[in-house]
Amino acid sequence: MSPPTNIHWGKNELEAPIPDREKADFEWKRSDYKGAEAGCLFEVRAEYADGKSTDLEEINLCKTPTINLK
């Protein structure tokens, strides 16, 4: 994940890959991200085992605590 104002992706916030149809809880330090909305707005990228990826733009993680990826 990365603040929308960054041109590079941030660090991977997950400790390990997530198996299909499973979930992973994680927390981040808002102070680590100095993006818009005081560390709430993020672009999120999910990379899959087959090499494909999904990008989500400007997700407010402070108001949207759950993200479902398909």
C-alpha atoms as a PDB file:
ATOM      1  CA  MET A   1       0.000   0.000   0.000  1.00  0.00           C
ATOM      2  CA  SER A   2       1.009   3.570  -0.557  1.00  0.00           C
ATOM      3  CA  PRO A   3      -0.424   7.070  -0.060  1.00  0.00           C
ATOM      4  CA  PRO A   4      -1.904   8.320  -3.357  1.00  0.00           C
ATOM      5  CA  THR A   5       0.673  11.118  -3.497  1.00  0.00           C
ATOM      6  CA  ASN A   6       3.611   8.652  -3.704  1.00  0.00           C
ATOM      7  CA  ILE A   7       4.908   7.388  -7.018  1.00  0.00           C
ATOM      8  CA  HIS A   8       6.382   4.218  -5.448  1.00  0.00           C
ATOM      9  CA  TRP A   9       4.660   1.443  -3.526  1.00  0.00           C
ATOM     10  CA  GLY A  10       5.283   1.250   0.209  1.00  0.00           C
ATOM     11  CA  LYS A  11       6.400  -1.829   2.084  1.00  0.00           C
ATOM     12  CA  ASN A  12       4.348  -5.005   2.128  1.00  0.00           C
ATOM     13  CA  GLU A  13       2.118  -4.820   5.208  1.00  0.00           C
ATOM     14  CA  LEU A  14       1.415  -8.563   5.311  1.00  0.00           C
ATOM     15  CA  GLU A  15       3.710 -10.988   7.100  1.00  0.00           C
ATOM     16  CA  ALA A  16       2.977 -13.873   4.706  1.00  0.00           C
ATOM     17  CA  PRO A  17       0.885 -14.671   1.609  1.00  0.00           C
ATOM     18  CA  ILE A  18      -2.844 -15.142   2.195  1.00  0.00           C
ATOM     19  CA  PRO A  19      -4.307 -18.455   0.996  1.00  0.00           C
ATOM     20  CA  ASP A  20      -7.293 -18.252  -1.352  1.00  0.00           C
ATOM     21  CA  ARG A  21     -10.552 -17.406   0.435  1.00  0.00           C
ATOM     22  CA  GLU A  22      -8.751 -16.624   3.696  1.00  0.00           C
ATOM     23  CA  LYS A  23      -8.292 -13.325   5.495  1.00  0.00           C
ATOM     24  CA  ALA A  24      -5.455 -11.511   7.193  1.00  0.00           C
ATOM     25  CA  ASP A  25      -5.693  -8.793   9.796  1.00  0.00           C
ATOM     26  CA  PHE A  26      -3.001  -6.147   9.974  1.00  0.00           C
ATOM     27  CA  GLU A  27      -2.355  -2.778  11.520  1.00  0.00           C
ATOM     28  CA  TRP A  28      -0.195   0.040  10.283  1.00  0.00           C
ATOM     29  CA  LYS A  29       1.278   3.072  11.960  1.00  0.00           C
ATOM     30  CA  ARG A  30      -0.420   6.146  10.559  1.00  0.00           C
ATOM     31  CA  SER A  31       2.762   8.078  11.347  1.00  0.00           C
ATOM     32  CA  ASP A  32       4.628   5.891   8.803  1.00  0.00           C
ATOM     33  CA  TYR A  33       2.446   7.312   6.037  1.00  0.00           C
ATOM     34  CA  LYS A  34       2.345  11.018   5.483  1.00  0.00           C
ATOM     35  CA  GLY A  35      -0.202  10.957   2.650  1.00  0.00           C
ATOM     36  CA  ALA A  36      -3.497  12.750   2.280  1.00  0.00           C
ATOM     37  CA  GLU A  37      -6.151  12.427   4.985  1.00  0.00           C
ATOM     38  CA  ALA A  38      -3.431  12.128   7.679  1.00  0.00           C
ATOM     39  CA  GLY A  39      -2.604   8.548   6.775  1.00  0.00           C
ATOM     40  CA  CYS A  40      -6.077   7.235   5.877  1.00  0.00           C
ATOM     41  CA  LEU A  41      -6.167   7.337   2.057  1.00  0.00           C
ATOM     42  CA  PHE A  42      -4.187   4.609   0.320  1.00  0.00           C
ATOM     43  CA  GLU A  43      -3.700   2.902  -2.971  1.00  0.00           C
ATOM     44  CA  VAL A  44      -3.584  -0.848  -2.404  1.00  0.00           C
ATOM     45  CA  ARG A  45      -2.031  -3.499  -4.623  1.00  0.00           C
ATOM     46  CA  ALA A  46      -2.659  -7.217  -4.281  1.00  0.00           C
ATOM     47  CA  GLU A  47      -0.282  -9.527  -6.123  1.00  0.00           C
ATOM     48  CA  TYR A  48      -1.408 -13.076  -6.825  1.00  0.00           C
ATOM     49  CA  ALA A  49       0.543 -16.326  -7.168  1.00  0.00           C
ATOM     50  CA  ASP A  50      -0.134 -16.408 -10.925  1.00  0.00           C
ATOM     51  CA  GLY A  51       1.665 -13.068 -11.391  1.00  0.00           C
ATOM     52  CA  LYS A  52      -1.489 -10.982 -11.869  1.00  0.00           C
ATOM     53  CA  SER A  53      -2.308  -8.043  -9.605  1.00  0.00           C
ATOM     54  CA  THR A  54      -5.219  -5.824  -8.579  1.00  0.00           C
ATOM     55  CA  ASP A  55      -4.833  -2.116  -7.788  1.00  0.00           C
ATOM     56  CA  LEU A  56      -7.370  -0.211  -5.698  1.00  0.00           C
ATOM     57  CA  GLU A  57      -7.172   3.584  -5.794  1.00  0.00           C
ATOM     58  CA  GLU A  58      -7.794   5.997  -2.930  1.00  0.00           C
ATOM     59  CA  ILE A  59      -9.274   3.607  -0.381  1.00  0.00           C
ATOM     60  CA  ASN A  60      -9.948   5.295   2.956  1.00  0.00           C
ATOM     61  CA  LEU A  61      -8.753   2.602   5.353  1.00  0.00           C
ATOM     62  CA  CYS A  62      -9.892   4.620   8.365  1.00  0.00           C
ATOM     63  CA  LYS A  63     -13.493   4.432   7.133  1.00  0.00           C
ATOM     64  CA  THR A  64     -13.248   1.135   5.204  1.00  0.00           C
ATOM     65  CA  PRO A  65     -11.558  -1.360   7.530  1.00  0.00           C
ATOM     66  CA  THR A  66     -12.267  -4.390   5.303  1.00  0.00           C
ATOM     67  CA  ILE A  67     -11.151  -4.937   1.713  1.00  0.00           C
ATOM     68  CA  ASN A  68     -12.347  -7.917  -0.325  1.00  0.00           C
ATOM     69  CA  LEU A  69     -10.263  -8.865  -3.345  1.00  0.00           C
ATOM     70  CA  LYS A  70     -11.445 -11.185  -6.089  1.00  0.00           C
END
